Amino acid sequence: MEKLNQLISLCKCLVSIEVNDHRNCYESVADYISRYESPEIDDAVLQVMVEHDTVVSLMFYPDTPVGSYWIFHYDIDMAIDEALSILKERQK
């Protein structure tokens, strides 16, 4: 919870986490991911997502309700770590 609270405090707008939304539409992980424009997902991460039929999608708006980031993963904690890393990199 500490890292999630940190992410929320660093974002001026929405932070949203969805888990397994693809299952609501009876979609495969690959079909669900294909809906999004060129998501940057490491091949190893995508492979585990497919193997476990698990999609964690994390969307966050650090500055305004216009510019967002999307992270797709199989693990909530790792997705949050990635988001925090993006925010840290932006501060440089």
C-alpha atoms as a PDB file:
ATOM      1  CA  MET A   1       0.000   0.000   0.000  1.00  0.00           C
ATOM      2  CA  GLU A   2       2.888   2.349   0.688  1.00  0.00           C
ATOM      3  CA  LYS A   3       4.029   2.398  -2.936  1.00  0.00           C
ATOM      4  CA  LEU A   4       0.476   2.808  -4.209  1.00  0.00           C
ATOM      5  CA  ASN A   5      -0.026   5.750  -1.861  1.00  0.00           C
ATOM      6  CA  GLN A   6       3.264   7.217  -3.074  1.00  0.00           C
ATOM      7  CA  LEU A   7       2.114   6.917  -6.696  1.00  0.00           C
ATOM      8  CA  ILE A   8      -1.224   8.527  -5.886  1.00  0.00           C
ATOM      9  CA  SER A   9       0.472  11.416  -4.090  1.00  0.00           C
ATOM     10  CA  LEU A  10       2.775  12.039  -7.076  1.00  0.00           C
ATOM     11  CA  CYS A  11      -0.084  12.215  -9.585  1.00  0.00           C
ATOM     12  CA  LYS A  12      -2.266  15.276  -9.922  1.00  0.00           C
ATOM     13  CA  CYS A  13      -5.065  13.331 -11.606  1.00  0.00           C
ATOM     14  CA  LEU A  14      -6.364   9.781 -11.994  1.00  0.00           C
ATOM     15  CA  VAL A  15      -4.556   6.629 -10.922  1.00  0.00           C
ATOM     16  CA  SER A  16      -6.451   3.540 -12.035  1.00  0.00           C
ATOM     17  CA  ILE A  17      -5.689  -0.165 -11.665  1.00  0.00           C
ATOM     18  CA  GLU A  18      -7.735  -2.858 -13.375  1.00  0.00           C
ATOM     19  CA  VAL A  19      -7.104  -6.557 -13.027  1.00  0.00           C
ATOM     20  CA  ASN A  20      -8.335  -9.094 -15.574  1.00  0.00           C
ATOM     21  CA  ASP A  21     -10.732  -6.822 -17.431  1.00  0.00           C
ATOM     22  CA  HIS A  22     -10.173  -9.035 -20.480  1.00  0.00           C
ATOM     23  CA  ARG A  23     -12.090 -11.837 -18.794  1.00  0.00           C
ATOM     24  CA  ASN A  24     -15.273  -9.742 -18.705  1.00  0.00           C
ATOM     25  CA  CYS A  25     -15.400  -9.894 -22.501  1.00  0.00           C
ATOM     26  CA  TYR A  26     -14.110 -13.471 -22.830  1.00  0.00           C
ATOM     27  CA  GLU A  27     -11.005 -12.192 -24.599  1.00  0.00           C
ATOM     28  CA  SER A  28      -7.547 -13.662 -24.619  1.00  0.00           C
ATOM     29  CA  VAL A  29      -4.713 -11.607 -23.209  1.00  0.00           C
ATOM     30  CA  ALA A  30      -3.360 -11.064 -26.734  1.00  0.00           C
ATOM     31  CA  ASP A  31      -6.712  -9.854 -28.086  1.00  0.00           C
ATOM     32  CA  TYR A  32      -7.199  -7.524 -25.133  1.00  0.00           C
ATOM     33  CA  ILE A  33      -3.725  -6.017 -25.457  1.00  0.00           C
ATOM     34  CA  SER A  34      -4.177  -5.570 -29.226  1.00  0.00           C
ATOM     35  CA  ARG A  35      -6.908  -2.994 -28.542  1.00  0.00           C
ATOM     36  CA  TYR A  36      -4.295  -0.542 -27.360  1.00  0.00           C
ATOM     37  CA  GLU A  37      -1.953   1.418 -29.587  1.00  0.00           C
ATOM     38  CA  SER A  38       1.499  -0.172 -29.461  1.00  0.00           C
ATOM     39  CA  PRO A  39       1.739  -0.870 -25.750  1.00  0.00           C
ATOM     40  CA  GLU A  40       5.342  -1.305 -24.675  1.00  0.00           C
ATOM     41  CA  ILE A  41       5.345  -4.674 -22.953  1.00  0.00           C
ATOM     42  CA  ASP A  42       8.504  -6.668 -22.425  1.00  0.00           C
ATOM     43  CA  ASP A  43       8.233 -10.039 -24.202  1.00  0.00           C
ATOM     44  CA  ALA A  44       8.968 -11.943 -20.982  1.00  0.00           C
ATOM     45  CA  VAL A  45       6.236 -10.034 -19.139  1.00  0.00           C
ATOM     46  CA  LEU A  46       3.752 -10.647 -21.953  1.00  0.00           C
ATOM     47  CA  GLN A  47       4.591 -14.346 -21.937  1.00  0.00           C
ATOM     48  CA  VAL A  48       3.779 -14.619 -18.212  1.00  0.00           C
ATOM     49  CA  MET A  49       0.603 -12.602 -18.716  1.00  0.00           C
ATOM     50  CA  VAL A  50      -0.526 -15.102 -21.367  1.00  0.00           C
ATOM     51  CA  GLU A  51       0.554 -18.161 -19.349  1.00  0.00           C
ATOM     52  CA  HIS A  52      -1.349 -16.995 -16.269  1.00  0.00           C
ATOM     53  CA  ASP A  53      -4.227 -15.386 -18.183  1.00  0.00           C
ATOM     54  CA  THR A  54      -3.642 -12.263 -16.085  1.00  0.00           C
ATOM     55  CA  VAL A  55      -3.657  -8.619 -17.107  1.00  0.00           C
ATOM     56  CA  VAL A  56      -2.938  -5.797 -14.705  1.00  0.00           C
ATOM     57  CA  SER A  57      -3.440  -2.437 -16.363  1.00  0.00           C
ATOM     58  CA  LEU A  58      -2.260   0.653 -14.560  1.00  0.00           C
ATOM     59  CA  MET A  59      -3.085   4.075 -15.957  1.00  0.00           C
ATOM     60  CA  PHE A  60      -1.897   7.276 -14.367  1.00  0.00           C
ATOM     61  CA  TYR A  61      -1.925  10.985 -15.142  1.00  0.00           C
ATOM     62  CA  PRO A  62       1.022  12.672 -13.440  1.00  0.00           C
ATOM     63  CA  ASP A  63       0.349  16.294 -14.420  1.00  0.00           C
ATOM     64  CA  THR A  64      -2.933  16.918 -16.213  1.00  0.00           C
ATOM     65  CA  PRO A  65      -5.973  14.936 -17.312  1.00  0.00           C
ATOM     66  CA  VAL A  66      -4.549  14.993 -20.843  1.00  0.00           C
ATOM     67  CA  GLY A  67      -1.214  13.147 -20.632  1.00  0.00           C
ATOM     68  CA  SER A  68      -1.425   9.599 -19.326  1.00  0.00           C
ATOM     69  CA  TYR A  69       0.770   6.538 -19.072  1.00  0.00           C
ATOM     70  CA  TRP A  70      -0.417   2.938 -19.398  1.00  0.00           C
ATOM     71  CA  ILE A  71       1.424  -0.011 -17.946  1.00  0.00           C
ATOM     72  CA  PHE A  72       0.426  -3.606 -18.593  1.00  0.00           C
ATOM     73  CA  HIS A  73       1.797  -6.338 -16.375  1.00  0.00           C
ATOM     74  CA  TYR A  74       0.905  -9.559 -14.590  1.00  0.00           C
ATOM     75  CA  ASP A  75       1.869  -8.250 -11.119  1.00  0.00           C
ATOM     76  CA  ILE A  76       0.350  -5.202  -9.413  1.00  0.00           C
ATOM     77  CA  ASP A  77       3.417  -4.421  -7.300  1.00  0.00           C
ATOM     78  CA  MET A  78       5.733  -4.594 -10.298  1.00  0.00           C
ATOM     79  CA  ALA A  79       3.404  -2.352 -12.317  1.00  0.00           C
ATOM     80  CA  ILE A  80       3.428   0.223  -9.523  1.00  0.00           C
ATOM     81  CA  ASP A  81       7.237   0.013  -9.335  1.00  0.00           C
ATOM     82  CA  GLU A  82       7.394   0.673 -13.078  1.00  0.00           C
ATOM     83  CA  ALA A  83       5.097   3.686 -12.737  1.00  0.00           C
ATOM     84  CA  LEU A  84       7.225   5.113  -9.927  1.00  0.00           C
ATOM     85  CA  SER A  85      10.316   4.565 -12.067  1.00  0.00           C
ATOM     86  CA  ILE A  86       8.726   6.522 -14.923  1.00  0.00           C
ATOM     87  CA  LEU A  87       7.890   9.388 -12.604  1.00  0.00           C
ATOM     88  CA  LYS A  88      11.413   9.387 -11.146  1.00  0.00           C
ATOM     89  CA  GLU A  89      12.927   9.427 -14.641  1.00  0.00           C
ATOM     90  CA  ARG A  90      10.719  12.378 -15.621  1.00  0.00           C
ATOM     91  CA  GLN A  91      12.100  14.399 -12.706  1.00  0.00           C
ATOM     92  CA  LYS A  92      15.663  14.254 -14.070  1.00  0.00           C
END
